[in-house]
Amino acid sequence: MEKAPTNKEAKRTRFVKIVERRVNAILDNLDSLGKCSNKKNYEYSETDVKKVFRGIDKKTKEVKALFNGRGSTKKFSLE
């Protein structure tokens, strides 16, 4: 007879399932963002590119801080 998972095991299983789905969504969105680099379809400056990646880097640091028990989240704007 199989024993029921403990609360800790259930939380771990839920975490893995959700994190894998969300990380894969982020990776897909980054692939999509990469398509914006096509200069045949879009016009942008080096300043725009720096702002985009500064925003991504900032958000990554904020989320990492949340996992370390501190931090807050804010929305990105190119303007």
PDB file of N, CA and C in Angstrom:
ATOM      1  N   MET A   1       0.840  -1.179   0.000  1.00  0.00           N
ATOM      2  CA  MET A   1       0.000   0.000   0.000  1.00  0.00           C
ATOM      3  C   MET A   1       0.888   1.247   0.000  1.00  0.00           C
ATOM      4  N   GLU A   2       0.555   2.236  -0.852  1.00  0.00           N
ATOM      5  CA  GLU A   2       1.312   3.457  -0.988  1.00  0.00           C
ATOM      6  C   GLU A   2       0.941   4.433   0.115  1.00  0.00           C
ATOM      7  N   LYS A   3       1.953   5.049   0.728  1.00  0.00           N
ATOM      8  CA  LYS A   3       1.645   6.012   1.783  1.00  0.00           C
ATOM      9  C   LYS A   3       1.365   7.383   1.173  1.00  0.00           C
ATOM     10  N   ALA A   4       0.484   8.127   1.792  1.00  0.00           N
ATOM     11  CA  ALA A   4       0.112   9.460   1.309  1.00  0.00           C
ATOM     12  C   ALA A   4       1.285  10.414   1.487  1.00  0.00           C
ATOM     13  N   PRO A   5       1.469  11.347   0.539  1.00  0.00           N
ATOM     14  CA  PRO A   5       2.576  12.296   0.675  1.00  0.00           C
ATOM     15  C   PRO A   5       2.356  13.204   1.889  1.00  0.00           C
ATOM     16  N   THR A   6       3.464  13.574   2.514  1.00  0.00           N
ATOM     17  CA  THR A   6       3.380  14.503   3.630  1.00  0.00           C
ATOM     18  C   THR A   6       3.085  15.896   3.091  1.00  0.00           C
ATOM     19  N   ASN A   7       2.716  16.796   3.989  1.00  0.00           N
ATOM     20  CA  ASN A   7       2.445  18.172   3.592  1.00  0.00           C
ATOM     21  C   ASN A   7       3.674  18.785   2.928  1.00  0.00           C
ATOM     22  N   LYS A   8       4.860  18.502   3.469  1.00  0.00           N
ATOM     23  CA  LYS A   8       6.109  19.024   2.912  1.00  0.00           C
ATOM     24  C   LYS A   8       6.329  18.490   1.491  1.00  0.00           C
ATOM     25  N   GLU A   9       6.074  17.198   1.285  1.00  0.00           N
ATOM     26  CA  GLU A   9       6.223  16.606  -0.051  1.00  0.00           C
ATOM     27  C   GLU A   9       5.211  17.200  -1.028  1.00  0.00           C
ATOM     28  N   ALA A  10       3.978  17.423  -0.559  1.00  0.00           N
ATOM     29  CA  ALA A  10       2.939  18.010  -1.415  1.00  0.00           C
ATOM     30  C   ALA A  10       3.318  19.433  -1.819  1.00  0.00           C
ATOM     31  N   LYS A  11       3.844  20.207  -0.880  1.00  0.00           N
ATOM     32  CA  LYS A  11       4.276  21.572  -1.192  1.00  0.00           C
ATOM     33  C   LYS A  11       5.415  21.564  -2.199  1.00  0.00           C
ATOM     34  N   ARG A  12       6.343  20.632  -2.031  1.00  0.00           N
ATOM     35  CA  ARG A  12       7.476  20.519  -2.952  1.00  0.00           C
ATOM     36  C   ARG A  12       6.991  20.156  -4.352  1.00  0.00           C
ATOM     37  N   THR A  13       6.081  19.202  -4.452  1.00  0.00           N
ATOM     38  CA  THR A  13       5.533  18.781  -5.735  1.00  0.00           C
ATOM     39  C   THR A  13       4.825  19.952  -6.428  1.00  0.00           C
ATOM     40  N   ARG A  14       4.033  20.701  -5.667  1.00  0.00           N
ATOM     41  CA  ARG A  14       3.322  21.858  -6.206  1.00  0.00           C
ATOM     42  C   ARG A  14       4.317  22.916  -6.682  1.00  0.00           C
ATOM     43  N   PHE A  15       5.361  23.166  -5.876  1.00  0.00           N
ATOM     44  CA  PHE A  15       6.385  24.145  -6.237  1.00  0.00           C
ATOM     45  C   PHE A  15       7.050  23.773  -7.559  1.00  0.00           C
ATOM     46  N   VAL A  16       7.495  22.540  -7.674  1.00  0.00           N
ATOM     47  CA  VAL A  16       8.184  22.083  -8.885  1.00  0.00           C
ATOM     48  C   VAL A  16       7.279  22.245 -10.100  1.00  0.00           C
ATOM     49  N   LYS A  17       6.041  21.823  -9.984  1.00  0.00           N
ATOM     50  CA  LYS A  17       5.093  21.905 -11.103  1.00  0.00           C
ATOM     51  C   LYS A  17       4.885  23.358 -11.552  1.00  0.00           C
ATOM     52  N   ILE A  18       4.654  24.243 -10.600  1.00  0.00           N
ATOM     53  CA  ILE A  18       4.375  25.639 -10.934  1.00  0.00           C
ATOM     54  C   ILE A  18       5.628  26.346 -11.445  1.00  0.00           C
ATOM     55  N   VAL A  19       6.764  26.139 -10.773  1.00  0.00           N
ATOM     56  CA  VAL A  19       7.994  26.819 -11.179  1.00  0.00           C
ATOM     57  C   VAL A  19       8.421  26.383 -12.577  1.00  0.00           C
ATOM     58  N   GLU A  20       8.344  25.105 -12.867  1.00  0.00           N
ATOM     59  CA  GLU A  20       8.722  24.650 -14.210  1.00  0.00           C
ATOM     60  C   GLU A  20       7.855  25.313 -15.276  1.00  0.00           C
ATOM     61  N   ARG A  21       6.560  25.394 -15.025  1.00  0.00           N
ATOM     62  CA  ARG A  21       5.647  26.012 -15.999  1.00  0.00           C
ATOM     63  C   ARG A  21       5.970  27.499 -16.168  1.00  0.00           C
ATOM     64  N   ARG A  22       6.206  28.199 -15.050  1.00  0.00           N
ATOM     65  CA  ARG A  22       6.467  29.637 -15.122  1.00  0.00           C
ATOM     66  C   ARG A  22       7.829  29.956 -15.729  1.00  0.00           C
ATOM     67  N   VAL A  23       8.845  29.184 -15.391  1.00  0.00           N
ATOM     68  CA  VAL A  23      10.170  29.414 -15.983  1.00  0.00           C
ATOM     69  C   VAL A  23      10.116  29.155 -17.485  1.00  0.00           C
ATOM     70  N   ASN A  24       9.438  28.107 -17.897  1.00  0.00           N
ATOM     71  CA  ASN A  24       9.312  27.836 -19.333  1.00  0.00           C
ATOM     72  C   ASN A  24       8.561  28.959 -20.037  1.00  0.00           C
ATOM     73  N   ALA A  25       7.560  29.551 -19.388  1.00  0.00           N
ATOM     74  CA  ALA A  25       6.841  30.689 -19.977  1.00  0.00           C
ATOM     75  C   ALA A  25       7.777  31.888 -20.117  1.00  0.00           C
ATOM     76  N   ILE A  26       8.605  32.133 -19.106  1.00  0.00           N
ATOM     77  CA  ILE A  26       9.580  33.228 -19.177  1.00  0.00           C
ATOM     78  C   ILE A  26      10.555  32.993 -20.325  1.00  0.00           C
ATOM     79  N   LEU A  27      11.059  31.770 -20.447  1.00  0.00           N
ATOM     80  CA  LEU A  27      11.994  31.454 -21.538  1.00  0.00           C
ATOM     81  C   LEU A  27      11.335  31.635 -22.903  1.00  0.00           C
ATOM     82  N   ASP A  28      10.080  31.236 -23.029  1.00  0.00           N
ATOM     83  CA  ASP A  28       9.348  31.447 -24.283  1.00  0.00           C
ATOM     84  C   ASP A  28       9.191  32.941 -24.571  1.00  0.00           C
ATOM     85  N   ASN A  29       8.891  33.717 -23.528  1.00  0.00           N
ATOM     86  CA  ASN A  29       8.752  35.164 -23.712  1.00  0.00           C
ATOM     87  C   ASN A  29      10.074  35.809 -24.093  1.00  0.00           C
ATOM     88  N   LEU A  30      11.178  35.323 -23.543  1.00  0.00           N
ATOM     89  CA  LEU A  30      12.486  35.851 -23.940  1.00  0.00           C
ATOM     90  C   LEU A  30      12.783  35.527 -25.404  1.00  0.00           C
ATOM     91  N   ASP A  31      12.399  34.328 -25.843  1.00  0.00           N
ATOM     92  CA  ASP A  31      12.548  33.995 -27.270  1.00  0.00           C
ATOM     93  C   ASP A  31      11.729  34.959 -28.121  1.00  0.00           C
ATOM     94  N   SER A  32      10.521  35.257 -27.668  1.00  0.00           N
ATOM     95  CA  SER A  32       9.657  36.188 -28.376  1.00  0.00           C
ATOM     96  C   SER A  32      10.262  37.587 -28.396  1.00  0.00           C
ATOM     97  N   LEU A  33      10.817  38.024 -27.279  1.00  0.00           N
ATOM     98  CA  LEU A  33      11.478  39.322 -27.216  1.00  0.00           C
ATOM     99  C   LEU A  33      12.639  39.372 -28.200  1.00  0.00           C
ATOM    100  N   GLY A  34      13.369  38.278 -28.319  1.00  0.00           N
ATOM    101  CA  GLY A  34      14.488  38.223 -29.249  1.00  0.00           C
ATOM    102  C   GLY A  34      14.075  38.491 -30.686  1.00  0.00           C
ATOM    103  N   LYS A  35      12.853  38.149 -31.020  1.00  0.00           N
ATOM    104  CA  LYS A  35      12.358  38.410 -32.381  1.00  0.00           C
ATOM    105  C   LYS A  35      12.235  39.901 -32.658  1.00  0.00           C
ATOM    106  N   CYS A  36      12.137  40.713 -31.610  1.00  0.00           N
ATOM    107  CA  CYS A  36      12.068  42.168 -31.785  1.00  0.00           C
ATOM    108  C   CYS A  36      13.410  42.754 -32.229  1.00  0.00           C
ATOM    109  N   SER A  37      14.464  41.949 -32.236  1.00  0.00           N
ATOM    110  CA  SER A  37      15.779  42.430 -32.650  1.00  0.00           C
ATOM    111  C   SER A  37      15.910  42.537 -34.166  1.00  0.00           C
ATOM    112  N   ASN A  38      14.929  42.032 -34.893  1.00  0.00           N
ATOM    113  CA  ASN A  38      14.973  42.048 -36.355  1.00  0.00           C
ATOM    114  C   ASN A  38      14.813  43.480 -36.866  1.00  0.00           C
ATOM    115  N   LYS A  39      15.911  44.066 -37.336  1.00  0.00           N
ATOM    116  CA  LYS A  39      15.901  45.463 -37.802  1.00  0.00           C
ATOM    117  C   LYS A  39      15.118  45.652 -39.104  1.00  0.00           C
ATOM    118  N   LYS A  40      14.779  44.561 -39.784  1.00  0.00           N
ATOM    119  CA  LYS A  40      13.941  44.675 -40.979  1.00  0.00           C
ATOM    120  C   LYS A  40      12.508  45.016 -40.593  1.00  0.00           C
ATOM    121  N   ASN A  41      12.100  44.624 -39.384  1.00  0.00           N
ATOM    122  CA  ASN A  41      10.724  44.841 -38.936  1.00  0.00           C
ATOM    123  C   ASN A  41      10.570  45.922 -37.874  1.00  0.00           C
ATOM    124  N   TYR A  42      11.654  46.253 -37.186  1.00  0.00           N
ATOM    125  CA  TYR A  42      11.566  47.186 -36.061  1.00  0.00           C
ATOM    126  C   TYR A  42      12.698  48.193 -36.106  1.00  0.00           C
ATOM    127  N   GLU A  43      12.434  49.362 -35.530  1.00  0.00           N
ATOM    128  CA  GLU A  43      13.464  50.386 -35.404  1.00  0.00           C
ATOM    129  C   GLU A  43      13.636  50.685 -33.918  1.00  0.00           C
ATOM    130  N   TYR A  44      14.868  50.645 -33.470  1.00  0.00           N
ATOM    131  CA  TYR A  44      15.151  50.906 -32.062  1.00  0.00           C
ATOM    132  C   TYR A  44      16.580  51.424 -31.936  1.00  0.00           C
ATOM    133  N   SER A  45      16.836  52.073 -30.814  1.00  0.00           N
ATOM    134  CA  SER A  45      18.173  52.620 -30.564  1.00  0.00           C
ATOM    135  C   SER A  45      18.913  51.753 -29.549  1.00  0.00           C
ATOM    136  N   GLU A  46      20.201  51.997 -29.441  1.00  0.00           N
ATOM    137  CA  GLU A  46      21.004  51.305 -28.432  1.00  0.00           C
ATOM    138  C   GLU A  46      20.494  51.658 -27.038  1.00  0.00           C
ATOM    139  N   THR A  47      20.018  52.891 -26.879  1.00  0.00           N
ATOM    140  CA  THR A  47      19.442  53.318 -25.596  1.00  0.00           C
ATOM    141  C   THR A  47      18.219  52.482 -25.255  1.00  0.00           C
ATOM    142  N   ASP A  48      17.372  52.220 -26.247  1.00  0.00           N
ATOM    143  CA  ASP A  48      16.194  51.360 -26.026  1.00  0.00           C
ATOM    144  C   ASP A  48      16.617  49.978 -25.551  1.00  0.00           C
ATOM    145  N   VAL A  49      17.621  49.419 -26.221  1.00  0.00           N
ATOM    146  CA  VAL A  49      18.097  48.077 -25.881  1.00  0.00           C
ATOM    147  C   VAL A  49      18.635  48.061 -24.448  1.00  0.00           C
ATOM    148  N   LYS A  50      19.414  49.075 -24.090  1.00  0.00           N
ATOM    149  CA  LYS A  50      19.955  49.161 -22.731  1.00  0.00           C
ATOM    150  C   LYS A  50      18.833  49.246 -21.698  1.00  0.00           C
ATOM    151  N   LYS A  51      17.782  50.036 -22.003  1.00  0.00           N
ATOM    152  CA  LYS A  51      16.646  50.159 -21.081  1.00  0.00           C
ATOM    153  C   LYS A  51      15.929  48.828 -20.912  1.00  0.00           C
ATOM    154  N   VAL A  52      15.743  48.112 -22.019  1.00  0.00           N
ATOM    155  CA  VAL A  52      15.064  46.815 -21.961  1.00  0.00           C
ATOM    156  C   VAL A  52      15.825  45.867 -21.040  1.00  0.00           C
ATOM    157  N   PHE A  53      17.123  45.729 -21.271  1.00  0.00           N
ATOM    158  CA  PHE A  53      17.891  44.760 -20.495  1.00  0.00           C
ATOM    159  C   PHE A  53      18.180  45.245 -19.075  1.00  0.00           C
ATOM    160  N   ARG A  54      18.213  46.547 -18.884  1.00  0.00           N
ATOM    161  CA  ARG A  54      18.310  47.070 -17.521  1.00  0.00           C
ATOM    162  C   ARG A  54      17.034  46.712 -16.746  1.00  0.00           C
ATOM    163  N   GLY A  55      15.883  46.839 -17.421  1.00  0.00           N
ATOM    164  CA  GLY A  55      14.611  46.470 -16.792  1.00  0.00           C
ATOM    165  C   GLY A  55      14.539  44.990 -16.473  1.00  0.00           C
ATOM    166  N   ILE A  56      14.996  44.162 -17.390  1.00  0.00           N
ATOM    167  CA  ILE A  56      15.003  42.707 -17.159  1.00  0.00           C
ATOM    168  C   ILE A  56      15.958  42.362 -16.023  1.00  0.00           C
ATOM    169  N   ASP A  57      17.151  42.949 -16.035  1.00  0.00           N
ATOM    170  CA  ASP A  57      18.120  42.686 -14.966  1.00  0.00           C
ATOM    171  C   ASP A  57      17.584  43.123 -13.610  1.00  0.00           C
ATOM    172  N   LYS A  58      16.950  44.291 -13.571  1.00  0.00           N
ATOM    173  CA  LYS A  58      16.396  44.806 -12.310  1.00  0.00           C
ATOM    174  C   LYS A  58      15.321  43.862 -11.772  1.00  0.00           C
ATOM    175  N   LYS A  59      14.424  43.435 -12.655  1.00  0.00           N
ATOM    176  CA  LYS A  59      13.342  42.543 -12.230  1.00  0.00           C
ATOM    177  C   LYS A  59      13.899  41.206 -11.771  1.00  0.00           C
ATOM    178  N   THR A  60      14.905  40.693 -12.461  1.00  0.00           N
ATOM    179  CA  THR A  60      15.528  39.432 -12.059  1.00  0.00           C
ATOM    180  C   THR A  60      16.106  39.552 -10.650  1.00  0.00           C
ATOM    181  N   LYS A  61      16.776  40.666 -10.372  1.00  0.00           N
ATOM    182  CA  LYS A  61      17.336  40.886  -9.040  1.00  0.00           C
ATOM    183  C   LYS A  61      16.230  40.994  -7.987  1.00  0.00           C
ATOM    184  N   GLU A  62      15.124  41.671  -8.326  1.00  0.00           N
ATOM    185  CA  GLU A  62      14.003  41.815  -7.391  1.00  0.00           C
ATOM    186  C   GLU A  62      13.396  40.455  -7.049  1.00  0.00           C
ATOM    187  N   VAL A  63      13.207  39.629  -8.062  1.00  0.00           N
ATOM    188  CA  VAL A  63      12.611  38.309  -7.829  1.00  0.00           C
ATOM    189  C   VAL A  63      13.572  37.434  -7.028  1.00  0.00           C
ATOM    190  N   LYS A  64      14.847  37.509  -7.346  1.00  0.00           N
ATOM    191  CA  LYS A  64      15.844  36.753  -6.588  1.00  0.00           C
ATOM    192  C   LYS A  64      15.808  37.179  -5.123  1.00  0.00           C
ATOM    193  N   ALA A  65      15.651  38.484  -4.869  1.00  0.00           N
ATOM    194  CA  ALA A  65      15.560  38.989  -3.497  1.00  0.00           C
ATOM    195  C   ALA A  65      14.322  38.437  -2.792  1.00  0.00           C
ATOM    196  N   LEU A  66      13.215  38.286  -3.522  1.00  0.00           N
ATOM    197  CA  LEU A  66      12.009  37.697  -2.928  1.00  0.00           C
ATOM    198  C   LEU A  66      12.283  36.282  -2.428  1.00  0.00           C
ATOM    199  N   PHE A  67      13.050  35.522  -3.193  1.00  0.00           N
ATOM    200  CA  PHE A  67      13.390  34.163  -2.786  1.00  0.00           C
ATOM    201  C   PHE A  67      14.324  34.162  -1.573  1.00  0.00           C
ATOM    202  N   ASN A  68      14.999  35.294  -1.358  1.00  0.00           N
ATOM    203  CA  ASN A  68      15.861  35.429  -0.196  1.00  0.00           C
ATOM    204  C   ASN A  68      15.155  36.131   0.964  1.00  0.00           C
ATOM    205  N   GLY A  69      13.825  36.303   0.835  1.00  0.00           N
ATOM    206  CA  GLY A  69      13.026  36.841   1.925  1.00  0.00           C
ATOM    207  C   GLY A  69      12.926  38.352   1.998  1.00  0.00           C
ATOM    208  N   ARG A  70      13.241  39.048   0.915  1.00  0.00           N
ATOM    209  CA  ARG A  70      13.105  40.507   0.915  1.00  0.00           C
ATOM    210  C   ARG A  70      12.815  40.976  -0.503  1.00  0.00           C
ATOM    211  N   GLY A  71      12.420  42.236  -0.643  1.00  0.00           N
ATOM    212  CA  GLY A  71      12.237  42.805  -1.967  1.00  0.00           C
ATOM    213  C   GLY A  71      10.790  43.103  -2.305  1.00  0.00           C
ATOM    214  N   SER A  72      10.625  43.861  -3.389  1.00  0.00           N
ATOM    215  CA  SER A  72       9.301  44.209  -3.902  1.00  0.00           C
ATOM    216  C   SER A  72       9.348  44.141  -5.420  1.00  0.00           C
ATOM    217  N   THR A  73       8.178  44.260  -6.064  1.00  0.00           N
ATOM    218  CA  THR A  73       8.125  44.183  -7.523  1.00  0.00           C
ATOM    219  C   THR A  73       7.476  45.432  -8.100  1.00  0.00           C
ATOM    220  N   LYS A  74       7.982  45.879  -9.261  1.00  0.00           N
ATOM    221  CA  LYS A  74       7.456  47.053  -9.948  1.00  0.00           C
ATOM    222  C   LYS A  74       7.357  46.735 -11.437  1.00  0.00           C
ATOM    223  N   LYS A  75       6.520  47.487 -12.155  1.00  0.00           N
ATOM    224  CA  LYS A  75       6.321  47.271 -13.586  1.00  0.00           C
ATOM    225  C   LYS A  75       7.397  48.002 -14.401  1.00  0.00           C
ATOM    226  N   PHE A  76       7.724  47.455 -15.578  1.00  0.00           N
ATOM    227  CA  PHE A  76       8.703  48.013 -16.495  1.00  0.00           C
ATOM    228  C   PHE A  76       8.024  48.940 -17.498  1.00  0.00           C
ATOM    229  N   SER A  77       8.691  50.026 -17.843  1.00  0.00           N
ATOM    230  CA  SER A  77       8.234  50.917 -18.900  1.00  0.00           C
ATOM    231  C   SER A  77       9.445  51.389 -19.699  1.00  0.00           C
ATOM    232  N   LEU A  78       9.324  51.421 -21.002  1.00  0.00           N
ATOM    233  CA  LEU A  78      10.421  51.877 -21.858  1.00  0.00           C
ATOM    234  C   LEU A  78      10.566  53.389 -21.794  1.00  0.00           C
ATOM    235  N   GLU A  79       9.522  54.087 -21.465  1.00  0.00           N
ATOM    236  CA  GLU A  79       9.518  55.548 -21.395  1.00  0.00           C
ATOM    237  C   GLU A  79      10.132  56.063 -20.129  1.00  0.00           C
TER     238      GLU A  79
END
